[in-house]
Amino acid sequence: MRNMPDSVPYESESEGLYQWDTASPDEADSFLNVAVLAGAGERGPITLPWPVPGNPGGFLSFSEAAQWQKFCLSLGLNFVIPEIVAAKFRRAQKLYFLAWIDFDLIKAGELVALTALELALRDRYGDKVKDRRGNMPFAALLKYLIHDGLTDDQVPMVRRYCGSIVPLLNGDRTPSLAGIRNRQAHGDPFDGFPVSGLLELVRDLIEYAYRDWAAFPE
């Protein structure tokens, strides 16, 4: 995507506001190796709809592959999350990462991220929302997050950028998060633009669902 006039360059935000320096060199080399992107050659900045502090409708731009790698790595899950969920989420991170080569891969990454969220919520709340036939609708699982005490103030993403997430979970906003997943899974022909902040939101919701597990920071 071409750079947009109101986008925030990554380098101006990477010190202090975002705290995206969490990946060790070993992690970067073994998981999202920037050398994989070398074949893409030189390219213009990637501009991505993503919240910025004080502006949930903001944009971020990335001019170098190493910046994009750091950003993607920063969105990883806490290590206590069950591996079956974490593995799916890492797959979503990889697809985001490879979007440096082909930007359309972000849409695949979004769908995989949402499947990771659904798996996590089925694990944590499936027995609470299961109907007589054993179905666990994604919309009901998302609403149960609110029943489990989630408010906007408890979502790190909202604390960083302002805005509100609860309407995406309970269906008060259209499309809801369940609606976004359904559109992507069933081939909505008009669903071509990335959903702002989706991978970060999914990360925060998964970590909320497992917040009572050991090793989570207070």
N, C-alpha and C. Protein backbone atom coordinates (compact mmCIF):
# COMPACT_ATOMS: atom_id res chain seq x y z
N MET A 1 0.84 -1.19 0.00
CA MET A 1 0.00 0.00 0.00
C MET A 1 0.88 1.24 0.00
N ARG A 2 0.43 2.28 -0.63
CA ARG A 2 1.19 3.52 -0.63
C ARG A 2 1.10 4.19 0.74
N ASN A 3 2.13 4.93 1.04
CA ASN A 3 2.12 5.68 2.28
C ASN A 3 0.97 6.69 2.27
N MET A 4 0.34 6.92 3.43
CA MET A 4 -0.78 7.83 3.53
C MET A 4 -0.35 9.05 4.33
N PRO A 5 -0.89 10.21 4.03
CA PRO A 5 -0.42 11.44 4.67
C PRO A 5 -0.55 11.43 6.18
N ASP A 6 -1.60 10.76 6.73
CA ASP A 6 -1.81 10.79 8.16
C ASP A 6 -1.28 9.55 8.87
N SER A 7 -0.46 8.76 8.19
CA SER A 7 0.11 7.58 8.84
C SER A 7 1.27 7.98 9.73
N VAL A 8 1.52 7.16 10.75
CA VAL A 8 2.61 7.41 11.70
C VAL A 8 3.78 6.51 11.34
N PRO A 9 4.94 7.06 10.99
CA PRO A 9 6.09 6.21 10.70
C PRO A 9 6.46 5.37 11.91
N TYR A 10 6.78 4.13 11.66
CA TYR A 10 7.11 3.23 12.76
C TYR A 10 8.25 3.77 13.61
N GLU A 11 9.28 4.32 12.96
CA GLU A 11 10.47 4.72 13.71
C GLU A 11 10.18 5.83 14.72
N SER A 12 9.16 6.63 14.48
CA SER A 12 8.86 7.71 15.41
C SER A 12 8.12 7.22 16.63
N GLU A 13 7.60 5.99 16.57
CA GLU A 13 6.82 5.48 17.68
C GLU A 13 7.49 4.32 18.40
N SER A 14 8.58 3.83 17.86
CA SER A 14 9.14 2.59 18.38
C SER A 14 9.89 2.76 19.68
N GLU A 15 10.15 3.99 20.08
CA GLU A 15 10.85 4.21 21.34
C GLU A 15 9.88 4.84 22.34
N GLY A 16 9.39 4.04 23.26
CA GLY A 16 8.60 4.59 24.34
C GLY A 16 7.13 4.24 24.27
N LEU A 17 6.43 4.67 23.20
CA LEU A 17 4.99 4.53 23.21
C LEU A 17 4.53 3.09 23.02
N TYR A 18 5.17 2.37 22.12
CA TYR A 18 4.69 1.05 21.78
C TYR A 18 5.41 -0.08 22.50
N GLN A 19 6.65 0.13 22.89
CA GLN A 19 7.40 -0.93 23.55
C GLN A 19 7.43 -2.19 22.70
N TRP A 20 7.89 -2.06 21.47
CA TRP A 20 7.92 -3.19 20.55
C TRP A 20 9.29 -3.84 20.49
N ASP A 21 10.10 -3.69 21.50
CA ASP A 21 11.45 -4.25 21.48
C ASP A 21 11.54 -5.50 22.34
N THR A 22 10.54 -6.38 22.22
CA THR A 22 10.44 -7.52 23.13
C THR A 22 11.09 -8.79 22.59
N ALA A 23 11.41 -8.85 21.33
CA ALA A 23 11.92 -10.08 20.74
C ALA A 23 13.43 -10.16 20.88
N SER A 24 13.91 -11.31 21.32
CA SER A 24 15.35 -11.53 21.39
C SER A 24 15.88 -11.86 20.00
N PRO A 25 17.18 -11.69 19.75
CA PRO A 25 17.75 -12.07 18.45
C PRO A 25 17.50 -13.54 18.11
N ASP A 26 17.59 -14.41 19.12
CA ASP A 26 17.36 -15.84 18.85
C ASP A 26 15.93 -16.07 18.40
N GLU A 27 14.98 -15.40 19.05
CA GLU A 27 13.58 -15.56 18.68
C GLU A 27 13.36 -15.07 17.26
N ALA A 28 13.93 -13.93 16.92
CA ALA A 28 13.76 -13.39 15.58
C ALA A 28 14.32 -14.33 14.52
N ASP A 29 15.50 -14.90 14.80
CA ASP A 29 16.14 -15.78 13.83
C ASP A 29 15.38 -17.08 13.64
N SER A 30 14.78 -17.60 14.71
CA SER A 30 14.17 -18.92 14.64
C SER A 30 12.71 -18.88 14.23
N PHE A 31 12.05 -17.73 14.36
CA PHE A 31 10.61 -17.67 14.12
C PHE A 31 10.29 -16.85 12.87
N LEU A 32 10.51 -15.58 12.92
CA LEU A 32 10.23 -14.70 11.78
C LEU A 32 11.55 -14.12 11.28
N ASN A 33 12.24 -14.91 10.50
CA ASN A 33 13.57 -14.53 10.04
C ASN A 33 13.46 -13.50 8.93
N VAL A 34 14.05 -12.33 9.17
CA VAL A 34 13.93 -11.25 8.19
C VAL A 34 14.60 -11.60 6.88
N ALA A 35 15.52 -12.56 6.88
CA ALA A 35 16.17 -12.97 5.64
C ALA A 35 15.18 -13.57 4.65
N VAL A 36 14.08 -14.11 5.17
CA VAL A 36 13.05 -14.68 4.30
C VAL A 36 12.48 -13.60 3.37
N LEU A 37 12.49 -12.36 3.84
CA LEU A 37 11.90 -11.27 3.06
C LEU A 37 12.86 -10.69 2.03
N ALA A 38 14.11 -11.18 2.02
CA ALA A 38 15.12 -10.60 1.14
C ALA A 38 14.71 -10.70 -0.32
N GLY A 39 14.04 -11.76 -0.68
CA GLY A 39 13.65 -11.95 -2.07
C GLY A 39 12.64 -10.93 -2.57
N ALA A 40 12.01 -10.21 -1.62
CA ALA A 40 11.02 -9.21 -2.03
C ALA A 40 11.67 -7.99 -2.64
N GLY A 41 12.99 -7.82 -2.41
CA GLY A 41 13.69 -6.66 -2.95
C GLY A 41 13.24 -5.37 -2.27
N GLU A 42 13.68 -4.26 -2.83
CA GLU A 42 13.29 -2.97 -2.27
C GLU A 42 11.83 -2.69 -2.60
N ARG A 43 11.12 -2.15 -1.63
CA ARG A 43 9.73 -1.79 -1.87
C ARG A 43 9.40 -0.56 -1.05
N GLY A 44 8.34 0.09 -1.44
CA GLY A 44 7.91 1.28 -0.72
C GLY A 44 7.35 0.91 0.64
N PRO A 45 7.06 1.89 1.46
CA PRO A 45 6.55 1.61 2.81
C PRO A 45 5.24 0.83 2.77
N ILE A 46 5.09 -0.06 3.73
CA ILE A 46 3.80 -0.67 4.01
C ILE A 46 3.05 0.29 4.93
N THR A 47 1.81 0.60 4.58
CA THR A 47 0.96 1.40 5.44
C THR A 47 -0.23 0.54 5.85
N LEU A 48 -0.43 0.45 7.14
CA LEU A 48 -1.39 -0.48 7.72
C LEU A 48 -2.34 0.27 8.62
N PRO A 49 -3.66 0.06 8.47
CA PRO A 49 -4.58 0.64 9.44
C PRO A 49 -4.34 0.00 10.81
N TRP A 50 -3.95 0.82 11.77
CA TRP A 50 -3.63 0.29 13.10
C TRP A 50 -3.79 1.43 14.11
N PRO A 51 -4.36 1.17 15.26
CA PRO A 51 -4.52 2.25 16.24
C PRO A 51 -3.17 2.83 16.67
N VAL A 52 -3.19 4.11 16.96
CA VAL A 52 -2.04 4.79 17.56
C VAL A 52 -2.56 5.50 18.80
N PRO A 53 -1.70 5.82 19.74
CA PRO A 53 -2.18 6.45 20.98
C PRO A 53 -3.03 7.69 20.71
N GLY A 54 -4.23 7.66 21.26
CA GLY A 54 -5.16 8.76 21.10
C GLY A 54 -5.97 8.73 19.82
N ASN A 55 -5.70 7.76 18.94
CA ASN A 55 -6.40 7.68 17.66
C ASN A 55 -6.62 6.23 17.27
N PRO A 56 -7.74 5.63 17.69
CA PRO A 56 -8.00 4.23 17.32
C PRO A 56 -8.13 4.02 15.81
N GLY A 57 -8.35 5.09 15.07
CA GLY A 57 -8.48 4.97 13.62
C GLY A 57 -7.22 5.35 12.86
N GLY A 58 -6.07 5.22 13.49
CA GLY A 58 -4.83 5.66 12.89
C GLY A 58 -4.24 4.69 11.88
N PHE A 59 -3.08 5.07 11.35
CA PHE A 59 -2.32 4.24 10.41
C PHE A 59 -0.86 4.22 10.86
N LEU A 60 -0.21 3.10 10.60
CA LEU A 60 1.22 2.98 10.82
C LEU A 60 1.90 2.69 9.48
N SER A 61 3.10 3.21 9.31
CA SER A 61 3.88 2.90 8.11
C SER A 61 5.21 2.30 8.50
N PHE A 62 5.68 1.36 7.69
CA PHE A 62 6.92 0.63 7.93
C PHE A 62 7.76 0.73 6.66
N SER A 63 8.94 1.30 6.78
CA SER A 63 9.77 1.52 5.61
C SER A 63 10.84 0.45 5.42
N GLU A 64 11.08 -0.38 6.46
CA GLU A 64 12.11 -1.41 6.39
C GLU A 64 11.57 -2.74 6.88
N ALA A 65 12.07 -3.81 6.28
CA ALA A 65 11.61 -5.14 6.66
C ALA A 65 11.92 -5.45 8.14
N ALA A 66 13.05 -4.95 8.65
CA ALA A 66 13.40 -5.21 10.04
C ALA A 66 12.39 -4.57 11.00
N GLN A 67 11.85 -3.41 10.62
CA GLN A 67 10.83 -2.78 11.45
C GLN A 67 9.56 -3.63 11.46
N TRP A 68 9.20 -4.13 10.29
CA TRP A 68 8.01 -4.98 10.17
C TRP A 68 8.19 -6.25 10.99
N GLN A 69 9.37 -6.84 10.95
CA GLN A 69 9.66 -8.04 11.74
C GLN A 69 9.48 -7.75 13.24
N LYS A 70 10.04 -6.64 13.70
CA LYS A 70 9.95 -6.29 15.12
C LYS A 70 8.49 -6.10 15.54
N PHE A 71 7.73 -5.45 14.69
CA PHE A 71 6.31 -5.23 14.97
C PHE A 71 5.57 -6.55 15.09
N CYS A 72 5.77 -7.46 14.13
CA CYS A 72 5.06 -8.73 14.15
C CYS A 72 5.46 -9.57 15.36
N LEU A 73 6.75 -9.57 15.69
CA LEU A 73 7.21 -10.32 16.86
C LEU A 73 6.63 -9.75 18.15
N SER A 74 6.42 -8.46 18.19
CA SER A 74 5.95 -7.83 19.43
C SER A 74 4.55 -8.23 19.80
N LEU A 75 3.82 -8.80 18.85
CA LEU A 75 2.42 -9.14 19.08
C LEU A 75 2.24 -10.57 19.57
N GLY A 76 3.33 -11.22 19.99
CA GLY A 76 3.26 -12.60 20.43
C GLY A 76 2.53 -12.78 21.75
N LEU A 77 2.09 -14.02 22.00
CA LEU A 77 1.36 -14.37 23.21
C LEU A 77 2.30 -14.62 24.38
N ASN A 78 1.76 -14.45 25.58
CA ASN A 78 2.46 -14.85 26.79
C ASN A 78 2.79 -16.35 26.72
N PHE A 79 3.94 -16.74 27.25
CA PHE A 79 4.40 -18.12 27.08
C PHE A 79 3.55 -19.15 27.83
N VAL A 80 2.67 -18.72 28.74
CA VAL A 80 1.86 -19.70 29.47
C VAL A 80 0.64 -20.17 28.68
N ILE A 81 0.34 -19.53 27.57
CA ILE A 81 -0.82 -19.93 26.77
C ILE A 81 -0.60 -21.35 26.24
N PRO A 82 -1.62 -22.21 26.29
CA PRO A 82 -1.45 -23.59 25.80
C PRO A 82 -0.91 -23.63 24.39
N GLU A 83 -0.02 -24.57 24.14
CA GLU A 83 0.68 -24.63 22.86
C GLU A 83 -0.28 -24.81 21.69
N ILE A 84 -1.37 -25.52 21.87
CA ILE A 84 -2.28 -25.75 20.75
C ILE A 84 -2.90 -24.42 20.28
N VAL A 85 -3.08 -23.50 21.21
CA VAL A 85 -3.58 -22.17 20.86
C VAL A 85 -2.42 -21.30 20.34
N ALA A 86 -1.31 -21.35 21.04
CA ALA A 86 -0.15 -20.52 20.66
C ALA A 86 0.34 -20.86 19.26
N ALA A 87 0.30 -22.14 18.89
CA ALA A 87 0.78 -22.53 17.56
C ALA A 87 -0.08 -21.92 16.47
N LYS A 88 -1.39 -21.90 16.67
CA LYS A 88 -2.26 -21.27 15.68
C LYS A 88 -2.01 -19.78 15.60
N PHE A 89 -1.80 -19.17 16.76
CA PHE A 89 -1.55 -17.73 16.76
C PHE A 89 -0.23 -17.41 16.07
N ARG A 90 0.80 -18.23 16.28
CA ARG A 90 2.08 -18.00 15.59
C ARG A 90 1.91 -18.10 14.08
N ARG A 91 1.02 -18.98 13.64
CA ARG A 91 0.75 -19.09 12.21
C ARG A 91 0.18 -17.77 11.68
N ALA A 92 -0.69 -17.16 12.46
CA ALA A 92 -1.22 -15.85 12.06
C ALA A 92 -0.11 -14.81 12.00
N GLN A 93 0.78 -14.82 13.00
CA GLN A 93 1.92 -13.89 12.98
C GLN A 93 2.77 -14.09 11.73
N LYS A 94 3.00 -15.34 11.35
CA LYS A 94 3.82 -15.61 10.17
C LYS A 94 3.17 -15.04 8.91
N LEU A 95 1.85 -15.17 8.81
CA LEU A 95 1.16 -14.66 7.64
C LEU A 95 1.23 -13.13 7.59
N TYR A 96 1.08 -12.49 8.75
CA TYR A 96 1.27 -11.04 8.79
C TYR A 96 2.69 -10.69 8.34
N PHE A 97 3.66 -11.40 8.87
CA PHE A 97 5.07 -11.15 8.55
C PHE A 97 5.32 -11.26 7.04
N LEU A 98 4.77 -12.31 6.43
CA LEU A 98 4.97 -12.53 5.00
C LEU A 98 4.20 -11.54 4.14
N ALA A 99 3.32 -10.77 4.76
CA ALA A 99 2.62 -9.74 4.00
C ALA A 99 3.56 -8.65 3.50
N TRP A 100 4.78 -8.62 4.03
CA TRP A 100 5.79 -7.71 3.46
C TRP A 100 6.04 -8.06 1.99
N ILE A 101 5.91 -9.34 1.67
CA ILE A 101 6.10 -9.81 0.29
C ILE A 101 4.81 -9.66 -0.52
N ASP A 102 3.69 -10.08 0.09
CA ASP A 102 2.39 -10.00 -0.58
C ASP A 102 1.38 -9.52 0.45
N PHE A 103 0.96 -8.27 0.34
CA PHE A 103 0.12 -7.65 1.36
C PHE A 103 -1.20 -8.38 1.57
N ASP A 104 -1.68 -9.08 0.55
CA ASP A 104 -2.95 -9.80 0.69
C ASP A 104 -2.89 -10.88 1.76
N LEU A 105 -1.70 -11.33 2.11
CA LEU A 105 -1.59 -12.38 3.12
C LEU A 105 -2.08 -11.93 4.50
N ILE A 106 -2.19 -10.64 4.71
CA ILE A 106 -2.73 -10.17 5.98
C ILE A 106 -4.15 -10.67 6.18
N LYS A 107 -4.93 -10.74 5.11
CA LYS A 107 -6.31 -11.23 5.26
C LYS A 107 -6.32 -12.68 5.70
N ALA A 108 -5.41 -13.49 5.17
CA ALA A 108 -5.30 -14.87 5.64
C ALA A 108 -4.87 -14.91 7.10
N GLY A 109 -3.94 -14.02 7.47
CA GLY A 109 -3.50 -13.95 8.85
C GLY A 109 -4.63 -13.58 9.80
N GLU A 110 -5.51 -12.69 9.37
CA GLU A 110 -6.65 -12.32 10.21
C GLU A 110 -7.55 -13.51 10.48
N LEU A 111 -7.85 -14.29 9.46
CA LEU A 111 -8.73 -15.43 9.64
C LEU A 111 -8.10 -16.46 10.56
N VAL A 112 -6.81 -16.71 10.39
CA VAL A 112 -6.13 -17.67 11.27
C VAL A 112 -6.11 -17.15 12.71
N ALA A 113 -5.90 -15.85 12.89
CA ALA A 113 -5.92 -15.28 14.23
C ALA A 113 -7.28 -15.49 14.89
N LEU A 114 -8.35 -15.30 14.14
CA LEU A 114 -9.69 -15.48 14.69
C LEU A 114 -9.97 -16.94 15.03
N THR A 115 -9.41 -17.87 14.25
CA THR A 115 -9.58 -19.28 14.60
C THR A 115 -8.82 -19.62 15.89
N ALA A 116 -7.66 -18.97 16.09
CA ALA A 116 -6.92 -19.17 17.33
C ALA A 116 -7.73 -18.63 18.51
N LEU A 117 -8.37 -17.49 18.34
CA LEU A 117 -9.21 -16.93 19.40
C LEU A 117 -10.38 -17.86 19.69
N GLU A 118 -11.02 -18.36 18.66
CA GLU A 118 -12.15 -19.27 18.88
C GLU A 118 -11.71 -20.52 19.63
N LEU A 119 -10.58 -21.07 19.25
CA LEU A 119 -10.07 -22.25 19.94
C LEU A 119 -9.83 -21.96 21.42
N ALA A 120 -9.23 -20.81 21.71
CA ALA A 120 -8.97 -20.43 23.10
C ALA A 120 -10.26 -20.28 23.89
N LEU A 121 -11.25 -19.63 23.29
CA LEU A 121 -12.51 -19.41 24.00
C LEU A 121 -13.30 -20.70 24.17
N ARG A 122 -13.22 -21.59 23.21
CA ARG A 122 -13.86 -22.91 23.37
C ARG A 122 -13.22 -23.66 24.54
N ASP A 123 -11.92 -23.55 24.64
CA ASP A 123 -11.21 -24.21 25.74
C ASP A 123 -11.63 -23.63 27.09
N ARG A 124 -11.72 -22.32 27.18
CA ARG A 124 -11.99 -21.66 28.45
C ARG A 124 -13.47 -21.60 28.81
N TYR A 125 -14.33 -21.41 27.80
CA TYR A 125 -15.74 -21.15 28.09
C TYR A 125 -16.71 -22.09 27.38
N GLY A 126 -16.20 -23.06 26.64
CA GLY A 126 -17.07 -23.91 25.85
C GLY A 126 -18.16 -24.59 26.66
N ASP A 127 -17.82 -25.07 27.84
CA ASP A 127 -18.81 -25.75 28.66
C ASP A 127 -19.87 -24.80 29.20
N LYS A 128 -19.58 -23.49 29.17
CA LYS A 128 -20.53 -22.49 29.68
C LYS A 128 -21.55 -22.09 28.62
N VAL A 129 -21.21 -22.19 27.35
CA VAL A 129 -22.10 -21.71 26.29
C VAL A 129 -22.63 -22.83 25.41
N LYS A 130 -22.22 -24.05 25.64
CA LYS A 130 -22.60 -25.17 24.78
C LYS A 130 -24.12 -25.36 24.80
N ASP A 131 -24.72 -25.51 23.63
CA ASP A 131 -26.16 -25.74 23.56
C ASP A 131 -26.46 -27.23 23.60
N ARG A 132 -27.73 -27.59 23.44
CA ARG A 132 -28.14 -28.99 23.57
C ARG A 132 -27.47 -29.90 22.55
N ARG A 133 -27.11 -29.35 21.42
CA ARG A 133 -26.48 -30.15 20.37
C ARG A 133 -24.96 -30.13 20.46
N GLY A 134 -24.43 -29.48 21.48
CA GLY A 134 -22.99 -29.42 21.65
C GLY A 134 -22.33 -28.30 20.88
N ASN A 135 -23.11 -27.43 20.26
CA ASN A 135 -22.55 -26.30 19.51
C ASN A 135 -22.06 -25.22 20.45
N MET A 136 -20.98 -24.57 20.07
CA MET A 136 -20.42 -23.46 20.84
C MET A 136 -20.25 -22.27 19.91
N PRO A 137 -21.31 -21.51 19.66
CA PRO A 137 -21.23 -20.41 18.68
C PRO A 137 -20.17 -19.39 19.07
N PHE A 138 -19.45 -18.93 18.06
CA PHE A 138 -18.39 -17.95 18.31
C PHE A 138 -18.95 -16.69 18.95
N ALA A 139 -20.12 -16.24 18.50
CA ALA A 139 -20.71 -15.03 19.06
C ALA A 139 -20.99 -15.20 20.55
N ALA A 140 -21.47 -16.38 20.93
CA ALA A 140 -21.76 -16.64 22.35
C ALA A 140 -20.47 -16.69 23.17
N LEU A 141 -19.42 -17.25 22.59
CA LEU A 141 -18.13 -17.29 23.29
C LEU A 141 -17.58 -15.88 23.51
N LEU A 142 -17.72 -15.03 22.51
CA LEU A 142 -17.25 -13.65 22.66
C LEU A 142 -18.04 -12.91 23.74
N LYS A 143 -19.35 -13.12 23.75
CA LYS A 143 -20.17 -12.46 24.78
C LYS A 143 -19.81 -12.97 26.18
N TYR A 144 -19.38 -14.22 26.26
CA TYR A 144 -19.06 -14.76 27.58
C TYR A 144 -17.81 -14.09 28.17
N LEU A 145 -16.95 -13.55 27.32
CA LEU A 145 -15.83 -12.77 27.84
C LEU A 145 -16.34 -11.63 28.74
N ILE A 146 -17.44 -11.00 28.32
CA ILE A 146 -18.02 -9.91 29.11
C ILE A 146 -18.62 -10.48 30.40
N HIS A 147 -19.30 -11.61 30.29
CA HIS A 147 -19.83 -12.27 31.48
C HIS A 147 -18.71 -12.63 32.46
N ASP A 148 -17.54 -12.93 31.92
CA ASP A 148 -16.38 -13.28 32.74
C ASP A 148 -15.67 -12.03 33.29
N GLY A 149 -16.27 -10.88 33.10
CA GLY A 149 -15.75 -9.68 33.74
C GLY A 149 -14.99 -8.72 32.86
N LEU A 150 -14.85 -9.02 31.56
CA LEU A 150 -14.07 -8.15 30.70
C LEU A 150 -14.78 -6.81 30.50
N THR A 151 -14.03 -5.75 30.69
CA THR A 151 -14.47 -4.40 30.35
C THR A 151 -13.40 -3.76 29.49
N ASP A 152 -13.72 -2.61 28.91
CA ASP A 152 -12.73 -1.93 28.07
C ASP A 152 -11.46 -1.61 28.86
N ASP A 153 -11.61 -1.25 30.13
CA ASP A 153 -10.45 -0.88 30.94
C ASP A 153 -9.48 -2.04 31.15
N GLN A 154 -9.97 -3.28 30.94
CA GLN A 154 -9.12 -4.44 31.15
C GLN A 154 -8.45 -4.93 29.87
N VAL A 155 -8.67 -4.24 28.78
CA VAL A 155 -8.07 -4.63 27.49
C VAL A 155 -6.87 -3.71 27.25
N PRO A 156 -5.65 -4.25 27.26
CA PRO A 156 -4.47 -3.41 27.07
C PRO A 156 -4.53 -2.53 25.83
N MET A 157 -5.11 -3.06 24.78
CA MET A 157 -5.21 -2.29 23.54
C MET A 157 -6.02 -1.01 23.73
N VAL A 158 -7.11 -1.10 24.49
CA VAL A 158 -7.93 0.08 24.74
C VAL A 158 -7.19 1.07 25.63
N ARG A 159 -6.45 0.55 26.61
CA ARG A 159 -5.69 1.44 27.48
C ARG A 159 -4.61 2.18 26.69
N ARG A 160 -4.06 1.54 25.66
CA ARG A 160 -3.03 2.19 24.86
C ARG A 160 -3.59 3.23 23.90
N TYR A 161 -4.74 2.91 23.29
CA TYR A 161 -5.19 3.71 22.16
C TYR A 161 -6.53 4.43 22.37
N CYS A 162 -7.22 4.14 23.47
CA CYS A 162 -8.60 4.63 23.69
C CYS A 162 -9.56 3.81 22.82
N GLY A 163 -10.78 4.27 22.66
CA GLY A 163 -11.77 3.51 21.91
C GLY A 163 -12.50 2.54 22.81
N SER A 164 -13.23 1.61 22.19
CA SER A 164 -14.03 0.63 22.92
C SER A 164 -14.06 -0.68 22.15
N ILE A 165 -13.90 -1.78 22.88
CA ILE A 165 -13.90 -3.11 22.29
C ILE A 165 -15.19 -3.87 22.59
N VAL A 166 -15.81 -3.59 23.72
CA VAL A 166 -16.99 -4.35 24.15
C VAL A 166 -18.07 -4.43 23.08
N PRO A 167 -18.40 -3.34 22.35
CA PRO A 167 -19.43 -3.46 21.31
C PRO A 167 -19.08 -4.46 20.20
N LEU A 168 -17.79 -4.69 19.97
CA LEU A 168 -17.39 -5.71 18.99
C LEU A 168 -17.69 -7.12 19.49
N LEU A 169 -17.72 -7.27 20.80
CA LEU A 169 -17.94 -8.59 21.39
C LEU A 169 -19.42 -8.91 21.56
N ASN A 170 -20.20 -7.93 21.98
CA ASN A 170 -21.61 -8.21 22.27
C ASN A 170 -22.54 -7.96 21.08
N GLY A 171 -22.00 -7.50 19.97
CA GLY A 171 -22.80 -7.30 18.77
C GLY A 171 -23.43 -5.93 18.63
N ASP A 172 -23.13 -5.02 19.55
CA ASP A 172 -23.69 -3.68 19.44
C ASP A 172 -23.08 -2.89 18.29
N ARG A 173 -21.89 -3.31 17.83
CA ARG A 173 -21.26 -2.67 16.67
C ARG A 173 -21.32 -3.62 15.49
N THR A 174 -21.60 -3.07 14.32
CA THR A 174 -21.69 -3.88 13.11
C THR A 174 -20.61 -3.46 12.12
N PRO A 175 -19.80 -4.42 11.60
CA PRO A 175 -19.86 -5.84 11.96
C PRO A 175 -19.21 -6.10 13.32
N SER A 176 -19.74 -7.06 14.03
CA SER A 176 -19.12 -7.50 15.27
C SER A 176 -17.90 -8.35 14.95
N LEU A 177 -17.17 -8.75 15.99
CA LEU A 177 -16.00 -9.60 15.74
C LEU A 177 -16.44 -10.94 15.18
N ALA A 178 -17.57 -11.46 15.65
CA ALA A 178 -18.10 -12.70 15.08
C ALA A 178 -18.50 -12.49 13.62
N GLY A 179 -19.08 -11.32 13.33
CA GLY A 179 -19.46 -11.03 11.95
C GLY A 179 -18.26 -10.91 11.03
N ILE A 180 -17.18 -10.31 11.54
CA ILE A 180 -15.95 -10.21 10.76
C ILE A 180 -15.43 -11.60 10.43
N ARG A 181 -15.42 -12.48 11.42
CA ARG A 181 -14.96 -13.86 11.18
C ARG A 181 -15.83 -14.55 10.15
N ASN A 182 -17.15 -14.40 10.27
CA ASN A 182 -18.06 -15.08 9.34
C ASN A 182 -17.90 -14.55 7.92
N ARG A 183 -17.72 -13.26 7.77
CA ARG A 183 -17.51 -12.69 6.44
C ARG A 183 -16.25 -13.25 5.79
N GLN A 184 -15.19 -13.33 6.58
CA GLN A 184 -13.93 -13.81 6.02
C GLN A 184 -14.00 -15.30 5.71
N ALA A 185 -14.65 -16.07 6.59
CA ALA A 185 -14.70 -17.51 6.39
C ALA A 185 -15.58 -17.90 5.20
N HIS A 186 -16.56 -17.05 4.89
CA HIS A 186 -17.51 -17.40 3.84
C HIS A 186 -17.34 -16.57 2.58
N GLY A 187 -16.18 -15.95 2.44
CA GLY A 187 -15.83 -15.35 1.15
C GLY A 187 -16.55 -14.08 0.81
N ASP A 188 -16.68 -13.16 1.75
CA ASP A 188 -17.28 -11.86 1.47
C ASP A 188 -16.48 -11.15 0.38
N PRO A 189 -17.11 -10.85 -0.77
CA PRO A 189 -16.35 -10.25 -1.88
C PRO A 189 -15.91 -8.81 -1.59
N PHE A 190 -16.48 -8.17 -0.59
CA PHE A 190 -16.14 -6.79 -0.28
C PHE A 190 -15.19 -6.67 0.90
N ASP A 191 -14.70 -7.80 1.39
CA ASP A 191 -13.83 -7.80 2.57
C ASP A 191 -12.38 -7.82 2.12
N GLY A 192 -11.87 -6.67 1.68
CA GLY A 192 -10.52 -6.65 1.15
C GLY A 192 -9.54 -5.82 1.93
N PHE A 193 -10.02 -4.98 2.85
CA PHE A 193 -9.14 -4.07 3.58
C PHE A 193 -8.83 -4.66 4.94
N PRO A 194 -7.58 -4.56 5.42
CA PRO A 194 -7.25 -5.13 6.73
C PRO A 194 -8.09 -4.52 7.85
N VAL A 195 -8.39 -5.34 8.84
CA VAL A 195 -9.13 -4.89 10.03
C VAL A 195 -8.12 -4.28 10.99
N SER A 196 -8.29 -3.03 11.31
CA SER A 196 -7.32 -2.31 12.12
C SER A 196 -7.10 -2.97 13.48
N GLY A 197 -5.83 -3.29 13.76
CA GLY A 197 -5.45 -3.79 15.07
C GLY A 197 -5.92 -5.19 15.41
N LEU A 198 -6.35 -5.98 14.41
CA LEU A 198 -7.00 -7.25 14.73
C LEU A 198 -6.08 -8.21 15.47
N LEU A 199 -4.85 -8.38 14.99
CA LEU A 199 -3.96 -9.35 15.62
C LEU A 199 -3.67 -8.96 17.07
N GLU A 200 -3.50 -7.67 17.32
CA GLU A 200 -3.25 -7.19 18.68
C GLU A 200 -4.47 -7.42 19.57
N LEU A 201 -5.67 -7.17 19.04
CA LEU A 201 -6.89 -7.40 19.80
C LEU A 201 -7.05 -8.87 20.14
N VAL A 202 -6.83 -9.74 19.16
CA VAL A 202 -6.95 -11.19 19.41
C VAL A 202 -5.96 -11.61 20.50
N ARG A 203 -4.73 -11.11 20.42
CA ARG A 203 -3.74 -11.42 21.44
C ARG A 203 -4.24 -11.02 22.84
N ASP A 204 -4.78 -9.80 22.94
CA ASP A 204 -5.24 -9.32 24.24
C ASP A 204 -6.42 -10.14 24.77
N LEU A 205 -7.34 -10.55 23.89
CA LEU A 205 -8.49 -11.32 24.33
C LEU A 205 -8.10 -12.73 24.76
N ILE A 206 -7.18 -13.35 24.02
CA ILE A 206 -6.71 -14.67 24.43
C ILE A 206 -6.04 -14.59 25.80
N GLU A 207 -5.22 -13.59 25.98
CA GLU A 207 -4.52 -13.46 27.26
C GLU A 207 -5.48 -13.14 28.40
N TYR A 208 -6.56 -12.42 28.11
CA TYR A 208 -7.56 -12.20 29.16
C TYR A 208 -8.22 -13.52 29.55
N ALA A 209 -8.56 -14.33 28.56
CA ALA A 209 -9.23 -15.60 28.85
C ALA A 209 -8.38 -16.50 29.74
N TYR A 210 -7.05 -16.41 29.60
CA TYR A 210 -6.14 -17.25 30.39
C TYR A 210 -5.45 -16.45 31.51
N ARG A 211 -6.04 -15.34 31.89
CA ARG A 211 -5.37 -14.43 32.83
C ARG A 211 -5.12 -15.04 34.20
N ASP A 212 -5.90 -16.06 34.58
CA ASP A 212 -5.72 -16.64 35.92
C ASP A 212 -4.69 -17.77 35.92
N TRP A 213 -4.03 -17.99 34.79
CA TRP A 213 -2.97 -19.00 34.76
C TRP A 213 -1.71 -18.43 35.37
N ALA A 214 -0.89 -19.30 35.87
CA ALA A 214 0.36 -18.87 36.52
C ALA A 214 1.25 -18.14 35.53
N ALA A 215 2.09 -17.26 36.03
CA ALA A 215 3.13 -16.55 35.29
C ALA A 215 2.64 -15.31 34.57
N PHE A 216 1.34 -14.99 34.65
CA PHE A 216 0.90 -13.73 34.07
C PHE A 216 1.25 -12.60 35.03
N PRO A 217 1.73 -11.47 34.48
CA PRO A 217 2.05 -10.34 35.35
C PRO A 217 0.80 -9.75 35.96
N GLU A 218 0.95 -9.21 37.15
CA GLU A 218 -0.17 -8.55 37.80
C GLU A 218 -0.49 -7.24 37.08
